[in-house]
Amino acid sequence: MKKELIKSIKEKEVQLSKLKEHVEKSSICSDLYNKVVLEKAILKKELEELNENKFLKNIKSILPRKKKLICDYFRN
């Protein structure tokens, strides 16, 4: 799955490089360029989520967090 995501991201980069030349010439190319940028961002986010340590994330969600008060920011 990870290799497929990386391959898809590289394909999107190739598409972006080809579309970049025609963005200012056509509104259709501009819209397509924006769409590919969004797709690439989604793929990158999915790749980041795969790389996250799920166990550590679960532990952090269980542990109570110390709440910060406004006065904590003004302490010397």
N, C-alpha and C. Protein backbone atom coordinates (compact mmCIF):
# COMPACT_ATOMS: atom_id res chain seq x y z
N MET A 1 0.83 -1.20 0.00
CA MET A 1 0.00 0.00 0.00
C MET A 1 0.87 1.26 0.00
N LYS A 2 1.93 1.24 0.81
CA LYS A 2 2.80 2.41 0.91
C LYS A 2 3.48 2.68 -0.44
N LYS A 3 3.94 1.63 -1.10
CA LYS A 3 4.61 1.80 -2.40
C LYS A 3 3.65 2.34 -3.45
N GLU A 4 2.39 1.89 -3.38
CA GLU A 4 1.39 2.38 -4.32
C GLU A 4 1.12 3.87 -4.13
N LEU A 5 1.08 4.29 -2.86
CA LEU A 5 0.86 5.71 -2.58
C LEU A 5 2.02 6.56 -3.08
N ILE A 6 3.23 6.08 -2.85
CA ILE A 6 4.42 6.82 -3.32
C ILE A 6 4.42 6.91 -4.84
N LYS A 7 4.05 5.80 -5.50
CA LYS A 7 4.00 5.79 -6.96
C LYS A 7 2.93 6.77 -7.46
N SER A 8 1.80 6.80 -6.80
CA SER A 8 0.72 7.72 -7.20
C SER A 8 1.13 9.17 -7.01
N ILE A 9 1.84 9.45 -5.92
CA ILE A 9 2.32 10.82 -5.68
C ILE A 9 3.28 11.25 -6.77
N LYS A 10 4.18 10.36 -7.16
CA LYS A 10 5.13 10.69 -8.24
C LYS A 10 4.41 10.91 -9.56
N GLU A 11 3.36 10.13 -9.82
CA GLU A 11 2.58 10.33 -11.05
C GLU A 11 1.90 11.69 -11.02
N LYS A 12 1.39 12.09 -9.87
CA LYS A 12 0.75 13.40 -9.75
C LYS A 12 1.77 14.51 -9.98
N GLU A 13 2.99 14.32 -9.49
CA GLU A 13 4.03 15.33 -9.70
C GLU A 13 4.35 15.48 -11.18
N VAL A 14 4.37 14.37 -11.91
CA VAL A 14 4.62 14.42 -13.35
C VAL A 14 3.47 15.15 -14.05
N GLN A 15 2.24 14.84 -13.65
CA GLN A 15 1.09 15.52 -14.23
C GLN A 15 1.15 17.02 -13.96
N LEU A 16 1.53 17.38 -12.74
CA LEU A 16 1.61 18.80 -12.39
C LEU A 16 2.67 19.52 -13.22
N SER A 17 3.80 18.86 -13.42
CA SER A 17 4.86 19.50 -14.19
C SER A 17 4.43 19.72 -15.64
N LYS A 18 3.64 18.80 -16.19
CA LYS A 18 3.15 18.96 -17.57
C LYS A 18 2.06 20.02 -17.64
N LEU A 19 1.20 20.06 -16.64
CA LEU A 19 0.10 21.03 -16.64
C LEU A 19 0.56 22.45 -16.34
N LYS A 20 1.66 22.56 -15.61
CA LYS A 20 2.13 23.88 -15.18
C LYS A 20 2.41 24.80 -16.37
N GLU A 21 2.85 24.20 -17.47
CA GLU A 21 3.16 24.98 -18.67
C GLU A 21 1.91 25.61 -19.28
N HIS A 22 0.76 24.97 -19.09
CA HIS A 22 -0.46 25.41 -19.76
C HIS A 22 -1.48 26.06 -18.84
N VAL A 23 -1.13 26.25 -17.58
CA VAL A 23 -2.08 26.78 -16.60
C VAL A 23 -2.57 28.17 -16.99
N GLU A 24 -1.70 29.02 -17.42
CA GLU A 24 -2.08 30.40 -17.73
C GLU A 24 -2.77 30.53 -19.08
N LYS A 25 -2.65 29.52 -19.93
CA LYS A 25 -3.23 29.58 -21.26
C LYS A 25 -4.69 29.19 -21.30
N SER A 26 -5.10 28.29 -20.38
CA SER A 26 -6.45 27.76 -20.45
C SER A 26 -7.04 27.62 -19.05
N SER A 27 -8.30 27.97 -18.93
CA SER A 27 -8.96 27.81 -17.63
C SER A 27 -9.22 26.35 -17.31
N ILE A 28 -9.41 25.53 -18.33
CA ILE A 28 -9.60 24.09 -18.12
C ILE A 28 -8.33 23.48 -17.54
N CYS A 29 -7.18 23.87 -18.08
CA CYS A 29 -5.91 23.37 -17.56
C CYS A 29 -5.68 23.85 -16.13
N SER A 30 -6.10 25.07 -15.86
CA SER A 30 -5.96 25.62 -14.52
C SER A 30 -6.80 24.83 -13.53
N ASP A 31 -8.04 24.52 -13.91
CA ASP A 31 -8.91 23.72 -13.04
C ASP A 31 -8.36 22.32 -12.84
N LEU A 32 -7.86 21.73 -13.90
CA LEU A 32 -7.28 20.39 -13.81
C LEU A 32 -6.03 20.40 -12.93
N TYR A 33 -5.23 21.45 -13.06
CA TYR A 33 -4.03 21.60 -12.23
C TYR A 33 -4.41 21.65 -10.75
N ASN A 34 -5.42 22.44 -10.42
CA ASN A 34 -5.87 22.56 -9.04
C ASN A 34 -6.40 21.23 -8.51
N LYS A 35 -7.10 20.49 -9.37
CA LYS A 35 -7.64 19.19 -8.98
C LYS A 35 -6.50 18.21 -8.66
N VAL A 36 -5.47 18.21 -9.49
CA VAL A 36 -4.34 17.31 -9.28
C VAL A 36 -3.58 17.69 -8.02
N VAL A 37 -3.48 18.99 -7.74
CA VAL A 37 -2.82 19.43 -6.51
C VAL A 37 -3.58 18.90 -5.29
N LEU A 38 -4.89 18.97 -5.32
CA LEU A 38 -5.70 18.45 -4.21
C LEU A 38 -5.54 16.93 -4.07
N GLU A 39 -5.54 16.23 -5.19
CA GLU A 39 -5.37 14.77 -5.14
C GLU A 39 -4.01 14.40 -4.56
N LYS A 40 -2.99 15.15 -4.92
CA LYS A 40 -1.64 14.89 -4.40
C LYS A 40 -1.60 15.14 -2.90
N ALA A 41 -2.26 16.19 -2.45
CA ALA A 41 -2.29 16.50 -1.02
C ALA A 41 -3.01 15.40 -0.25
N ILE A 42 -4.08 14.88 -0.81
CA ILE A 42 -4.81 13.79 -0.16
C ILE A 42 -3.93 12.54 -0.06
N LEU A 43 -3.22 12.24 -1.13
CA LEU A 43 -2.33 11.07 -1.12
C LEU A 43 -1.21 11.23 -0.09
N LYS A 44 -0.65 12.45 0.00
CA LYS A 44 0.39 12.70 1.00
C LYS A 44 -0.13 12.52 2.42
N LYS A 45 -1.34 12.98 2.67
CA LYS A 45 -1.95 12.84 3.99
C LYS A 45 -2.17 11.36 4.32
N GLU A 46 -2.61 10.58 3.35
CA GLU A 46 -2.79 9.14 3.56
C GLU A 46 -1.46 8.47 3.87
N LEU A 47 -0.40 8.89 3.19
CA LEU A 47 0.92 8.33 3.44
C LEU A 47 1.41 8.68 4.84
N GLU A 48 1.16 9.91 5.28
CA GLU A 48 1.53 10.31 6.64
C GLU A 48 0.78 9.49 7.67
N GLU A 49 -0.49 9.22 7.43
CA GLU A 49 -1.28 8.44 8.37
C GLU A 49 -0.77 7.00 8.45
N LEU A 50 -0.27 6.46 7.34
CA LEU A 50 0.30 5.11 7.37
C LEU A 50 1.59 5.07 8.19
N ASN A 51 2.34 6.16 8.14
CA ASN A 51 3.62 6.21 8.83
C ASN A 51 3.49 6.48 10.33
N GLU A 52 2.31 6.96 10.76
CA GLU A 52 2.12 7.26 12.18
C GLU A 52 2.17 5.97 13.00
N ASN A 53 2.65 6.12 14.20
CA ASN A 53 2.69 4.98 15.12
C ASN A 53 1.34 4.90 15.81
N LYS A 54 0.53 3.92 15.43
CA LYS A 54 -0.83 3.80 15.96
C LYS A 54 -0.83 3.50 17.46
N PHE A 55 0.11 2.68 17.91
CA PHE A 55 0.17 2.31 19.32
C PHE A 55 0.44 3.54 20.17
N LEU A 56 1.42 4.33 19.77
CA LEU A 56 1.77 5.54 20.52
C LEU A 56 0.61 6.53 20.51
N LYS A 57 -0.09 6.64 19.41
CA LYS A 57 -1.22 7.54 19.31
C LYS A 57 -2.34 7.12 20.26
N ASN A 58 -2.57 5.81 20.37
CA ASN A 58 -3.59 5.31 21.29
C ASN A 58 -3.21 5.59 22.74
N ILE A 59 -1.95 5.43 23.07
CA ILE A 59 -1.48 5.69 24.44
C ILE A 59 -1.68 7.16 24.78
N LYS A 60 -1.33 8.04 23.86
CA LYS A 60 -1.46 9.48 24.11
C LYS A 60 -2.92 9.89 24.31
N SER A 61 -3.82 9.22 23.59
CA SER A 61 -5.23 9.58 23.73
C SER A 61 -5.80 9.12 25.07
N ILE A 62 -5.21 8.09 25.65
CA ILE A 62 -5.69 7.58 26.94
C ILE A 62 -5.20 8.42 28.10
N LEU A 63 -3.95 8.85 28.04
CA LEU A 63 -3.35 9.62 29.14
C LEU A 63 -4.01 10.98 29.27
N PRO A 64 -4.27 11.41 30.49
CA PRO A 64 -4.87 12.75 30.67
C PRO A 64 -3.85 13.84 30.38
N ARG A 65 -4.33 14.89 29.81
CA ARG A 65 -3.46 16.02 29.49
C ARG A 65 -3.65 17.10 30.54
N LYS A 66 -2.55 17.79 30.81
CA LYS A 66 -2.62 18.91 31.74
C LYS A 66 -3.16 20.11 30.95
N LYS A 67 -4.25 20.67 31.42
CA LYS A 67 -4.85 21.80 30.74
C LYS A 67 -4.05 23.06 31.03
N LYS A 68 -3.85 23.87 30.00
CA LYS A 68 -3.15 25.13 30.18
C LYS A 68 -4.16 26.24 30.40
N LEU A 69 -3.82 27.08 31.30
CA LEU A 69 -4.63 28.26 31.57
C LEU A 69 -3.94 29.47 30.96
N ILE A 70 -4.68 30.52 30.78
CA ILE A 70 -4.10 31.74 30.22
C ILE A 70 -2.98 32.26 31.10
N CYS A 71 -3.14 32.13 32.39
CA CYS A 71 -2.12 32.64 33.31
C CYS A 71 -0.81 31.87 33.18
N ASP A 72 -0.84 30.62 32.67
CA ASP A 72 0.38 29.85 32.48
C ASP A 72 1.29 30.47 31.43
N TYR A 73 0.72 31.19 30.49
CA TYR A 73 1.52 31.81 29.46
C TYR A 73 2.24 33.08 29.94
N PHE A 74 1.78 33.65 31.04
CA PHE A 74 2.35 34.89 31.52
C PHE A 74 3.26 34.71 32.73
N ARG A 75 3.50 33.46 33.12
CA ARG A 75 4.41 33.22 34.23
C ARG A 75 5.84 33.44 33.79
N ASN A 76 6.65 33.89 34.74
CA ASN A 76 8.06 34.13 34.44
C ASN A 76 8.88 32.89 34.53
